[in-house]
Structures are given as C-alpha cells and as structure tokens.
Amino acid sequence: MRASLIAAAAVGLFTALPASALTTIFVTTLSSAGEPVPTSTATGAAIVTFDDVASTVTVQLSFAGLANSAPFGHIHCCTATPLTGNAGVALNFTPLPATTTGTYSNVFALTPIAFNSLLTGAAAGRAYVNIHTPGTYQGGEIRGFLPITTVVPEPGTYALMLAGLGAVAFAARRRRG
C-alpha cells in the first residue's frame, strides 16, 4: 500500500512538471559592422531571452552615441547564411526612447509558431538585433547577431530530475531490503 502511494506521487510529479522547459539567453554587442553604411561610432548591447513555457521573448537593450534621437529597432530573421546578411523584420520593438543614449526593455508574447521560428533562427545564428535611425542610418545604424550563449533549465526540470532520481533510489533500496 505504501509503495503504491509513493509510486502514484512520483507519477503525479512526472506528469505535472514540463520535461523540456528551457530559457534560452542570447547576448550580443551592437556595432555598425555589417550595416549598409558601416560608419557609425554608436555602440550597444542586447540580451534576448526566450521562455519556451510562456512563448515570450524578453528584449533588453542599451545603446550610446546614435546619430539622432529618433531610433527604432527590431529583431530580423532569418538570414540565408549564419552571422551575415540581411533579413526581414521578425519582432518590432519600437518605440525606443527618444534619445541617442539609453536603455529599453520589453517582454513580447508570441504565438508558438512565431516563437519557435524566431528561436530556431536565433539558435542557428540567423537572427540579429538592429537599431536604425532616420537619415544616413535609415537602413540600420548598429546590429548584433544572436549567437547562443547559455541554456538555463527551468526549476521544474530540476524538480523532475530529482523526483526521478528519488524514485530510482527508492526502487533500488526496496530490491535490496
């Protein structure tokens, strides 16, 4: 009776927790390299976080020295060749602050299809963050491709793994006793 209750609890844990929950984080620096007019001295950085449970993308930007105070930006995807080229807009994150130096942060809820498409492109090095400014840099002032930097399992994944190890240890102990 006691063993069947423990087994039922273990099965409940296994079915209640997502087995493949991941947060994927991309970090990149932004520069004018690869832009149509690669002469800007502006700089920046981006952290783009994909949450596969909520199908959300969090974008955090910092930028300095843009050519004017009317920036707009996006994530473009998917280029034909990883880490190079141009692609259409996949995620629009305007309006950016009306300043030449600043920060931006937003969370975007995507449909599962759009989320998976963008995550797949980013993981393949075929997506990039781009900040544009009107005038000389209308086609893009600074950009950075999203190379994968870290994959962090959700807490539920650890709980599922620990529950499984506990169930295996319990079964092994019962066999010996």
N, C-alpha and C. Protein backbone atom coordinates (compact mmCIF):
# COMPACT_ATOMS: atom_id res chain seq x y z
N MET A 1 0.82 -1.19 0.00
CA MET A 1 0.00 0.00 0.00
C MET A 1 0.87 1.26 0.00
N ARG A 2 1.88 1.31 0.90
CA ARG A 2 2.74 2.47 1.00
C ARG A 2 3.53 2.67 -0.31
N ALA A 3 4.03 1.59 -0.88
CA ALA A 3 4.79 1.67 -2.14
C ALA A 3 3.92 2.18 -3.26
N SER A 4 2.65 1.78 -3.32
CA SER A 4 1.77 2.26 -4.39
C SER A 4 1.45 3.75 -4.22
N LEU A 5 1.37 4.24 -2.99
CA LEU A 5 1.16 5.67 -2.76
C LEU A 5 2.37 6.47 -3.23
N ILE A 6 3.57 5.99 -2.93
CA ILE A 6 4.79 6.67 -3.36
C ILE A 6 4.89 6.64 -4.88
N ALA A 7 4.57 5.51 -5.48
CA ALA A 7 4.61 5.41 -6.95
C ALA A 7 3.61 6.39 -7.57
N ALA A 8 2.39 6.48 -6.98
CA ALA A 8 1.38 7.40 -7.50
C ALA A 8 1.86 8.85 -7.38
N ALA A 9 2.51 9.19 -6.26
CA ALA A 9 3.04 10.54 -6.09
C ALA A 9 4.13 10.83 -7.11
N ALA A 10 4.99 9.86 -7.37
CA ALA A 10 6.06 10.05 -8.36
C ALA A 10 5.48 10.24 -9.76
N VAL A 11 4.47 9.44 -10.10
CA VAL A 11 3.82 9.59 -11.41
C VAL A 11 3.18 10.97 -11.51
N GLY A 12 2.55 11.42 -10.42
CA GLY A 12 1.95 12.76 -10.41
C GLY A 12 2.98 13.84 -10.65
N LEU A 13 4.16 13.73 -10.03
CA LEU A 13 5.22 14.69 -10.27
C LEU A 13 5.70 14.66 -11.71
N PHE A 14 5.88 13.45 -12.25
CA PHE A 14 6.36 13.32 -13.63
C PHE A 14 5.40 13.95 -14.63
N THR A 15 4.11 13.82 -14.41
CA THR A 15 3.14 14.35 -15.36
C THR A 15 2.84 15.81 -15.13
N ALA A 16 3.07 16.33 -13.92
CA ALA A 16 2.74 17.72 -13.62
C ALA A 16 3.83 18.69 -14.05
N LEU A 17 5.06 18.23 -14.18
CA LEU A 17 6.17 19.12 -14.49
C LEU A 17 6.56 19.01 -15.96
N PRO A 18 6.82 20.15 -16.63
CA PRO A 18 7.27 20.09 -18.01
C PRO A 18 8.68 19.52 -18.09
N ALA A 19 8.87 18.56 -19.00
CA ALA A 19 10.16 17.88 -19.09
C ALA A 19 11.19 18.70 -19.85
N SER A 20 10.78 19.61 -20.72
CA SER A 20 11.75 20.28 -21.56
C SER A 20 11.70 21.80 -21.42
N ALA A 21 11.33 22.31 -20.26
CA ALA A 21 11.24 23.75 -20.07
C ALA A 21 12.64 24.36 -20.10
N LEU A 22 12.85 25.30 -20.99
CA LEU A 22 14.15 25.95 -21.12
C LEU A 22 13.98 27.45 -21.29
N THR A 23 14.91 28.17 -20.72
CA THR A 23 15.06 29.58 -21.01
C THR A 23 16.36 29.70 -21.78
N THR A 24 16.30 30.26 -22.97
CA THR A 24 17.48 30.39 -23.81
C THR A 24 17.85 31.87 -23.87
N ILE A 25 19.08 32.17 -23.55
CA ILE A 25 19.54 33.56 -23.47
C ILE A 25 20.61 33.82 -24.52
N PHE A 26 20.40 34.89 -25.28
CA PHE A 26 21.37 35.32 -26.28
C PHE A 26 21.90 36.68 -25.85
N VAL A 27 23.20 36.88 -25.92
CA VAL A 27 23.82 38.16 -25.57
C VAL A 27 24.69 38.58 -26.76
N THR A 28 24.57 39.85 -27.15
CA THR A 28 25.37 40.32 -28.27
C THR A 28 25.74 41.78 -28.08
N THR A 29 26.84 42.19 -28.68
CA THR A 29 27.19 43.60 -28.73
C THR A 29 26.69 44.14 -30.07
N LEU A 30 26.41 45.43 -30.09
CA LEU A 30 25.89 46.07 -31.29
C LEU A 30 26.93 47.07 -31.81
N SER A 31 27.18 47.00 -33.12
CA SER A 31 28.12 47.92 -33.77
C SER A 31 27.65 48.14 -35.20
N SER A 32 28.36 48.99 -35.91
CA SER A 32 27.97 49.28 -37.30
C SER A 32 28.49 48.24 -38.29
N ALA A 33 29.30 47.30 -37.85
CA ALA A 33 29.81 46.26 -38.75
C ALA A 33 28.65 45.50 -39.38
N GLY A 34 28.65 45.36 -40.68
CA GLY A 34 27.60 44.65 -41.39
C GLY A 34 26.43 45.51 -41.82
N GLU A 35 26.43 46.78 -41.41
CA GLU A 35 25.34 47.68 -41.79
C GLU A 35 25.58 48.23 -43.20
N PRO A 36 24.51 48.70 -43.88
CA PRO A 36 24.68 49.25 -45.23
C PRO A 36 25.67 50.42 -45.28
N VAL A 37 25.67 51.26 -44.23
CA VAL A 37 26.63 52.36 -44.11
C VAL A 37 27.38 52.12 -42.80
N PRO A 38 28.51 51.40 -42.85
CA PRO A 38 29.19 50.97 -41.61
C PRO A 38 30.10 52.03 -40.99
N THR A 39 29.64 53.27 -40.91
CA THR A 39 30.50 54.35 -40.41
C THR A 39 30.10 54.89 -39.05
N SER A 40 29.01 54.40 -38.47
CA SER A 40 28.56 54.91 -37.18
C SER A 40 29.54 54.51 -36.07
N THR A 41 29.72 55.41 -35.12
CA THR A 41 30.55 55.10 -33.95
C THR A 41 29.68 54.70 -32.76
N ALA A 42 28.38 54.57 -32.96
CA ALA A 42 27.47 54.16 -31.89
C ALA A 42 27.81 52.74 -31.45
N THR A 43 27.46 52.44 -30.21
CA THR A 43 27.67 51.12 -29.66
C THR A 43 26.43 50.69 -28.90
N GLY A 44 26.37 49.42 -28.55
CA GLY A 44 25.24 48.94 -27.77
C GLY A 44 25.42 47.49 -27.39
N ALA A 45 24.43 47.01 -26.65
CA ALA A 45 24.41 45.61 -26.25
C ALA A 45 22.96 45.17 -26.17
N ALA A 46 22.74 43.88 -26.36
CA ALA A 46 21.39 43.33 -26.29
C ALA A 46 21.42 41.99 -25.57
N ILE A 47 20.40 41.78 -24.75
CA ILE A 47 20.15 40.48 -24.14
C ILE A 47 18.75 40.09 -24.58
N VAL A 48 18.64 38.95 -25.24
CA VAL A 48 17.34 38.47 -25.73
C VAL A 48 17.10 37.11 -25.09
N THR A 49 16.00 37.02 -24.34
CA THR A 49 15.70 35.81 -23.57
C THR A 49 14.43 35.18 -24.09
N PHE A 50 14.50 33.91 -24.44
CA PHE A 50 13.36 33.13 -24.91
C PHE A 50 12.88 32.22 -23.79
N ASP A 51 11.60 32.30 -23.44
CA ASP A 51 10.99 31.43 -22.43
C ASP A 51 10.04 30.49 -23.15
N ASP A 52 10.43 29.20 -23.27
CA ASP A 52 9.62 28.28 -24.08
C ASP A 52 8.35 27.81 -23.39
N VAL A 53 8.17 28.06 -22.10
CA VAL A 53 6.92 27.71 -21.44
C VAL A 53 5.85 28.77 -21.75
N ALA A 54 6.23 30.04 -21.63
CA ALA A 54 5.29 31.14 -21.85
C ALA A 54 5.27 31.62 -23.30
N SER A 55 6.16 31.13 -24.15
CA SER A 55 6.32 31.61 -25.53
C SER A 55 6.52 33.13 -25.55
N THR A 56 7.42 33.60 -24.65
CA THR A 56 7.73 35.02 -24.61
C THR A 56 9.18 35.27 -24.96
N VAL A 57 9.42 36.46 -25.48
CA VAL A 57 10.76 36.92 -25.78
C VAL A 57 10.96 38.23 -25.03
N THR A 58 11.99 38.28 -24.19
CA THR A 58 12.31 39.50 -23.46
C THR A 58 13.51 40.14 -24.14
N VAL A 59 13.38 41.42 -24.47
CA VAL A 59 14.46 42.16 -25.13
C VAL A 59 14.92 43.25 -24.18
N GLN A 60 16.23 43.26 -23.90
CA GLN A 60 16.85 44.31 -23.10
C GLN A 60 17.98 44.91 -23.93
N LEU A 61 17.92 46.23 -24.13
CA LEU A 61 18.92 46.93 -24.94
C LEU A 61 19.57 48.05 -24.16
N SER A 62 20.80 48.32 -24.49
CA SER A 62 21.46 49.57 -24.09
C SER A 62 22.18 50.06 -25.34
N PHE A 63 22.19 51.36 -25.50
CA PHE A 63 22.84 51.93 -26.69
C PHE A 63 23.39 53.30 -26.34
N ALA A 64 24.43 53.71 -27.09
CA ALA A 64 25.07 55.01 -26.85
C ALA A 64 25.60 55.57 -28.15
N GLY A 65 25.47 56.90 -28.30
CA GLY A 65 26.07 57.59 -29.44
C GLY A 65 25.35 57.45 -30.76
N LEU A 66 24.02 57.19 -30.75
CA LEU A 66 23.29 57.09 -32.01
C LEU A 66 23.31 58.43 -32.74
N ALA A 67 23.11 58.40 -34.04
CA ALA A 67 23.20 59.60 -34.88
C ALA A 67 22.11 60.62 -34.59
N ASN A 68 20.92 60.18 -34.17
CA ASN A 68 19.88 61.12 -33.78
C ASN A 68 18.95 60.49 -32.76
N SER A 69 18.03 61.29 -32.24
CA SER A 69 17.20 60.86 -31.12
C SER A 69 15.84 60.29 -31.52
N ALA A 70 15.78 59.67 -32.69
CA ALA A 70 14.53 59.04 -33.12
C ALA A 70 14.79 57.58 -33.55
N PRO A 71 15.40 56.78 -32.68
CA PRO A 71 15.74 55.42 -33.08
C PRO A 71 14.51 54.50 -33.14
N PHE A 72 14.63 53.47 -33.94
CA PHE A 72 13.63 52.40 -33.98
C PHE A 72 14.40 51.10 -34.16
N GLY A 73 13.82 49.99 -33.71
CA GLY A 73 14.58 48.76 -33.76
C GLY A 73 13.73 47.52 -33.89
N HIS A 74 14.41 46.42 -34.19
CA HIS A 74 13.76 45.13 -34.42
C HIS A 74 14.74 43.99 -34.22
N ILE A 75 14.17 42.80 -34.24
CA ILE A 75 14.97 41.60 -34.47
C ILE A 75 14.62 41.16 -35.88
N HIS A 76 15.64 40.96 -36.69
CA HIS A 76 15.47 40.49 -38.06
C HIS A 76 15.77 38.99 -38.09
N CYS A 77 15.04 38.26 -38.92
CA CYS A 77 15.28 36.83 -39.07
C CYS A 77 14.63 36.37 -40.37
N CYS A 78 15.11 35.50 -41.04
CA CYS A 78 16.28 34.69 -40.86
C CYS A 78 17.17 34.88 -42.09
N THR A 79 18.44 35.15 -41.87
CA THR A 79 19.38 35.35 -42.97
C THR A 79 19.67 34.01 -43.64
N ALA A 80 20.12 34.08 -44.88
CA ALA A 80 20.44 32.86 -45.62
C ALA A 80 21.69 32.18 -45.06
N THR A 81 22.64 32.99 -44.61
CA THR A 81 23.90 32.48 -44.09
C THR A 81 24.05 32.92 -42.64
N PRO A 82 24.38 32.01 -41.73
CA PRO A 82 24.54 32.41 -40.33
C PRO A 82 25.57 33.53 -40.15
N LEU A 83 25.25 34.45 -39.23
CA LEU A 83 26.12 35.54 -38.80
C LEU A 83 26.47 36.54 -39.89
N THR A 84 25.69 36.58 -40.95
CA THR A 84 25.92 37.56 -42.01
C THR A 84 24.64 37.75 -42.82
N GLY A 85 24.56 38.88 -43.52
CA GLY A 85 23.44 39.14 -44.42
C GLY A 85 22.33 39.95 -43.78
N ASN A 86 21.23 40.06 -44.54
CA ASN A 86 20.07 40.82 -44.12
C ASN A 86 18.83 39.95 -44.20
N ALA A 87 17.82 40.29 -43.41
CA ALA A 87 16.57 39.54 -43.40
C ALA A 87 15.44 40.49 -43.02
N GLY A 88 14.23 40.02 -43.18
CA GLY A 88 13.06 40.82 -42.84
C GLY A 88 12.87 40.94 -41.33
N VAL A 89 11.99 41.85 -40.94
CA VAL A 89 11.71 42.08 -39.52
C VAL A 89 10.87 40.93 -38.98
N ALA A 90 11.32 40.34 -37.87
CA ALA A 90 10.58 39.27 -37.22
C ALA A 90 9.90 39.74 -35.94
N LEU A 91 10.49 40.73 -35.26
CA LEU A 91 9.95 41.25 -34.00
C LEU A 91 10.29 42.73 -33.91
N ASN A 92 9.25 43.55 -33.89
CA ASN A 92 9.42 45.00 -33.89
C ASN A 92 9.33 45.51 -32.45
N PHE A 93 10.37 46.18 -31.95
CA PHE A 93 10.32 46.69 -30.59
C PHE A 93 10.41 48.20 -30.48
N THR A 94 9.79 48.88 -31.39
CA THR A 94 9.68 50.32 -31.26
C THR A 94 8.43 50.64 -30.46
N PRO A 95 8.27 51.77 -29.86
CA PRO A 95 9.22 52.88 -29.94
C PRO A 95 10.33 52.73 -28.91
N LEU A 96 11.53 53.02 -29.35
CA LEU A 96 12.66 53.12 -28.44
C LEU A 96 12.62 54.50 -27.80
N PRO A 97 13.31 54.70 -26.69
CA PRO A 97 13.34 56.03 -26.09
C PRO A 97 13.88 57.06 -27.09
N ALA A 98 13.30 58.25 -27.08
CA ALA A 98 13.70 59.32 -28.00
C ALA A 98 14.97 59.98 -27.49
N THR A 99 16.08 59.26 -27.63
CA THR A 99 17.37 59.74 -27.15
C THR A 99 18.48 59.05 -27.93
N THR A 100 19.67 59.62 -27.90
CA THR A 100 20.80 58.99 -28.59
C THR A 100 21.53 57.98 -27.71
N THR A 101 21.29 58.04 -26.41
CA THR A 101 21.89 57.11 -25.45
C THR A 101 20.80 56.69 -24.48
N GLY A 102 20.62 55.38 -24.30
CA GLY A 102 19.57 54.96 -23.39
C GLY A 102 19.47 53.45 -23.26
N THR A 103 18.36 53.04 -22.64
CA THR A 103 18.07 51.62 -22.45
C THR A 103 16.63 51.35 -22.83
N TYR A 104 16.34 50.08 -23.06
CA TYR A 104 15.00 49.65 -23.45
C TYR A 104 14.82 48.23 -22.95
N SER A 105 13.60 47.93 -22.48
CA SER A 105 13.28 46.57 -22.05
C SER A 105 11.81 46.32 -22.29
N ASN A 106 11.50 45.14 -22.83
CA ASN A 106 10.10 44.78 -23.08
C ASN A 106 9.99 43.26 -23.20
N VAL A 107 8.81 42.75 -22.85
CA VAL A 107 8.51 41.33 -22.98
C VAL A 107 7.44 41.19 -24.05
N PHE A 108 7.66 40.30 -25.01
CA PHE A 108 6.73 40.09 -26.12
C PHE A 108 6.17 38.68 -26.05
N ALA A 109 4.86 38.56 -26.06
CA ALA A 109 4.20 37.25 -26.13
C ALA A 109 3.99 36.91 -27.60
N LEU A 110 4.48 35.77 -28.02
CA LEU A 110 4.37 35.35 -29.41
C LEU A 110 3.51 34.11 -29.52
N THR A 111 2.98 33.88 -30.70
CA THR A 111 2.30 32.61 -30.93
C THR A 111 3.37 31.51 -30.90
N PRO A 112 2.99 30.29 -30.58
CA PRO A 112 4.01 29.21 -30.56
C PRO A 112 4.76 29.07 -31.88
N ILE A 113 4.08 29.24 -33.00
CA ILE A 113 4.74 29.11 -34.30
C ILE A 113 5.77 30.22 -34.49
N ALA A 114 5.39 31.48 -34.21
CA ALA A 114 6.32 32.59 -34.35
C ALA A 114 7.48 32.45 -33.37
N PHE A 115 7.18 32.05 -32.14
CA PHE A 115 8.22 31.85 -31.12
C PHE A 115 9.23 30.81 -31.59
N ASN A 116 8.76 29.65 -32.01
CA ASN A 116 9.66 28.57 -32.44
C ASN A 116 10.47 28.96 -33.66
N SER A 117 9.87 29.67 -34.60
CA SER A 117 10.58 30.10 -35.80
C SER A 117 11.71 31.06 -35.45
N LEU A 118 11.42 32.04 -34.57
CA LEU A 118 12.45 33.01 -34.19
C LEU A 118 13.54 32.35 -33.35
N LEU A 119 13.17 31.48 -32.42
CA LEU A 119 14.17 30.78 -31.60
C LEU A 119 15.06 29.90 -32.47
N THR A 120 14.48 29.19 -33.41
CA THR A 120 15.26 28.33 -34.31
C THR A 120 16.24 29.17 -35.13
N GLY A 121 15.78 30.30 -35.65
CA GLY A 121 16.66 31.19 -36.42
C GLY A 121 17.79 31.75 -35.57
N ALA A 122 17.45 32.18 -34.35
CA ALA A 122 18.47 32.73 -33.46
C ALA A 122 19.50 31.66 -33.08
N ALA A 123 19.03 30.47 -32.75
CA ALA A 123 19.94 29.39 -32.37
C ALA A 123 20.88 29.02 -33.51
N ALA A 124 20.45 29.23 -34.74
CA ALA A 124 21.28 28.93 -35.91
C ALA A 124 22.17 30.11 -36.30
N GLY A 125 22.12 31.21 -35.53
CA GLY A 125 22.93 32.39 -35.86
C GLY A 125 22.39 33.16 -37.05
N ARG A 126 21.09 33.04 -37.31
CA ARG A 126 20.49 33.68 -38.49
C ARG A 126 19.53 34.81 -38.12
N ALA A 127 19.60 35.29 -36.86
CA ALA A 127 18.76 36.41 -36.41
C ALA A 127 19.66 37.48 -35.80
N TYR A 128 19.27 38.75 -35.94
CA TYR A 128 20.08 39.82 -35.38
C TYR A 128 19.20 40.95 -34.86
N VAL A 129 19.72 41.63 -33.84
CA VAL A 129 19.09 42.83 -33.29
C VAL A 129 19.63 44.00 -34.10
N ASN A 130 18.74 44.94 -34.46
CA ASN A 130 19.14 46.07 -35.29
C ASN A 130 18.49 47.34 -34.77
N ILE A 131 19.29 48.38 -34.60
CA ILE A 131 18.76 49.70 -34.26
C ILE A 131 19.03 50.62 -35.44
N HIS A 132 17.98 51.27 -35.90
CA HIS A 132 18.03 52.19 -37.04
C HIS A 132 17.81 53.61 -36.53
N THR A 133 18.30 54.59 -37.28
CA THR A 133 17.95 55.99 -37.03
C THR A 133 17.68 56.65 -38.38
N PRO A 134 16.73 57.59 -38.42
CA PRO A 134 16.42 58.25 -39.69
C PRO A 134 17.65 58.96 -40.26
N GLY A 135 17.63 59.12 -41.58
CA GLY A 135 18.73 59.81 -42.27
C GLY A 135 19.75 58.82 -42.79
N THR A 136 21.01 59.10 -42.51
CA THR A 136 22.11 58.28 -43.01
C THR A 136 21.96 56.81 -42.65
N TYR A 137 21.40 56.53 -41.46
CA TYR A 137 21.34 55.16 -40.96
C TYR A 137 19.92 54.58 -40.96
N GLN A 138 19.11 55.03 -41.91
CA GLN A 138 17.75 54.51 -42.06
C GLN A 138 17.75 52.99 -42.25
N GLY A 139 18.75 52.47 -42.96
CA GLY A 139 18.85 51.04 -43.21
C GLY A 139 19.46 50.25 -42.06
N GLY A 140 19.86 50.94 -41.01
CA GLY A 140 20.44 50.29 -39.84
C GLY A 140 21.71 50.99 -39.39
N GLU A 141 21.77 51.35 -38.10
CA GLU A 141 22.96 52.01 -37.58
C GLU A 141 23.86 51.03 -36.84
N ILE A 142 23.29 50.22 -35.96
CA ILE A 142 24.09 49.21 -35.24
C ILE A 142 23.31 47.90 -35.17
N ARG A 143 24.05 46.81 -35.20
CA ARG A 143 23.44 45.48 -35.15
C ARG A 143 24.34 44.49 -34.45
N GLY A 144 23.72 43.37 -34.06
CA GLY A 144 24.47 42.26 -33.49
C GLY A 144 23.70 40.98 -33.68
N PHE A 145 24.37 39.95 -34.21
CA PHE A 145 23.75 38.64 -34.37
C PHE A 145 23.60 37.98 -33.01
N LEU A 146 22.65 37.07 -32.91
CA LEU A 146 22.32 36.42 -31.65
C LEU A 146 22.94 35.03 -31.55
N PRO A 147 24.23 34.96 -31.25
CA PRO A 147 24.82 33.64 -31.03
C PRO A 147 24.38 33.10 -29.68
N ILE A 148 24.14 31.82 -29.59
CA ILE A 148 23.67 31.23 -28.34
C ILE A 148 24.78 31.33 -27.29
N THR A 149 24.40 31.71 -26.07
CA THR A 149 25.40 31.83 -25.02
C THR A 149 25.13 30.90 -23.85
N THR A 150 23.87 30.69 -23.52
CA THR A 150 23.58 29.80 -22.39
C THR A 150 22.16 29.28 -22.49
N VAL A 151 21.95 28.07 -22.03
CA VAL A 151 20.62 27.48 -21.93
C VAL A 151 20.40 27.13 -20.47
N VAL A 152 19.37 27.69 -19.86
CA VAL A 152 19.13 27.51 -18.43
C VAL A 152 17.85 26.71 -18.24
N PRO A 153 17.93 25.50 -17.66
CA PRO A 153 16.70 24.74 -17.40
C PRO A 153 15.81 25.45 -16.39
N GLU A 154 14.52 25.32 -16.58
CA GLU A 154 13.55 25.86 -15.62
C GLU A 154 13.63 25.07 -14.32
N PRO A 155 13.23 25.67 -13.19
CA PRO A 155 13.24 24.95 -11.91
C PRO A 155 12.46 23.63 -11.95
N GLY A 156 11.37 23.58 -12.70
CA GLY A 156 10.58 22.36 -12.81
C GLY A 156 11.36 21.21 -13.41
N THR A 157 12.31 21.52 -14.29
CA THR A 157 13.13 20.48 -14.89
C THR A 157 14.02 19.84 -13.83
N TYR A 158 14.59 20.67 -12.96
CA TYR A 158 15.40 20.13 -11.86
C TYR A 158 14.54 19.29 -10.92
N ALA A 159 13.34 19.76 -10.60
CA ALA A 159 12.45 19.01 -9.71
C ALA A 159 12.09 17.66 -10.32
N LEU A 160 11.83 17.64 -11.62
CA LEU A 160 11.52 16.39 -12.30
C LEU A 160 12.71 15.43 -12.25
N MET A 161 13.90 15.96 -12.48
CA MET A 161 15.10 15.12 -12.43
C MET A 161 15.30 14.55 -11.02
N LEU A 162 15.14 15.40 -9.99
CA LEU A 162 15.31 14.93 -8.61
C LEU A 162 14.25 13.89 -8.24
N ALA A 163 13.01 14.10 -8.68
CA ALA A 163 11.96 13.12 -8.40
C ALA A 163 12.29 11.78 -9.05
N GLY A 164 12.79 11.82 -10.27
CA GLY A 164 13.17 10.58 -10.96
C GLY A 164 14.31 9.87 -10.25
N LEU A 165 15.32 10.63 -9.82
CA LEU A 165 16.43 10.02 -9.08
C LEU A 165 15.96 9.43 -7.76
N GLY A 166 15.04 10.14 -7.10
CA GLY A 166 14.48 9.62 -5.85
C GLY A 166 13.71 8.33 -6.07
N ALA A 167 12.92 8.26 -7.13
CA ALA A 167 12.16 7.05 -7.43
C ALA A 167 13.09 5.88 -7.74
N VAL A 168 14.17 6.13 -8.48
CA VAL A 168 15.14 5.08 -8.80
C VAL A 168 15.83 4.60 -7.52
N ALA A 169 16.23 5.54 -6.66
CA ALA A 169 16.88 5.17 -5.40
C ALA A 169 15.93 4.36 -4.51
N PHE A 170 14.66 4.77 -4.46
CA PHE A 170 13.68 4.06 -3.66
C PHE A 170 13.49 2.64 -4.16
N ALA A 171 13.38 2.49 -5.49
CA ALA A 171 13.20 1.17 -6.08
C ALA A 171 14.41 0.28 -5.81
N ALA A 172 15.61 0.84 -5.93
CA ALA A 172 16.83 0.07 -5.68
C ALA A 172 16.91 -0.36 -4.22
N ARG A 173 16.50 0.52 -3.33
CA ARG A 173 16.54 0.20 -1.90
C ARG A 173 15.54 -0.89 -1.55
N ARG A 174 14.35 -0.84 -2.15
CA ARG A 174 13.33 -1.85 -1.90
C ARG A 174 13.80 -3.22 -2.36
N ARG A 175 14.51 -3.25 -3.50
CA ARG A 175 15.01 -4.53 -4.03
C ARG A 175 16.00 -5.18 -3.08
N ARG A 176 16.87 -4.35 -2.49
CA ARG A 176 17.89 -4.86 -1.58
C ARG A 176 17.27 -5.31 -0.25
N GLY A 177 16.22 -4.65 0.20
CA GLY A 177 15.64 -4.91 1.52
C GLY A 177 14.60 -5.93 1.46
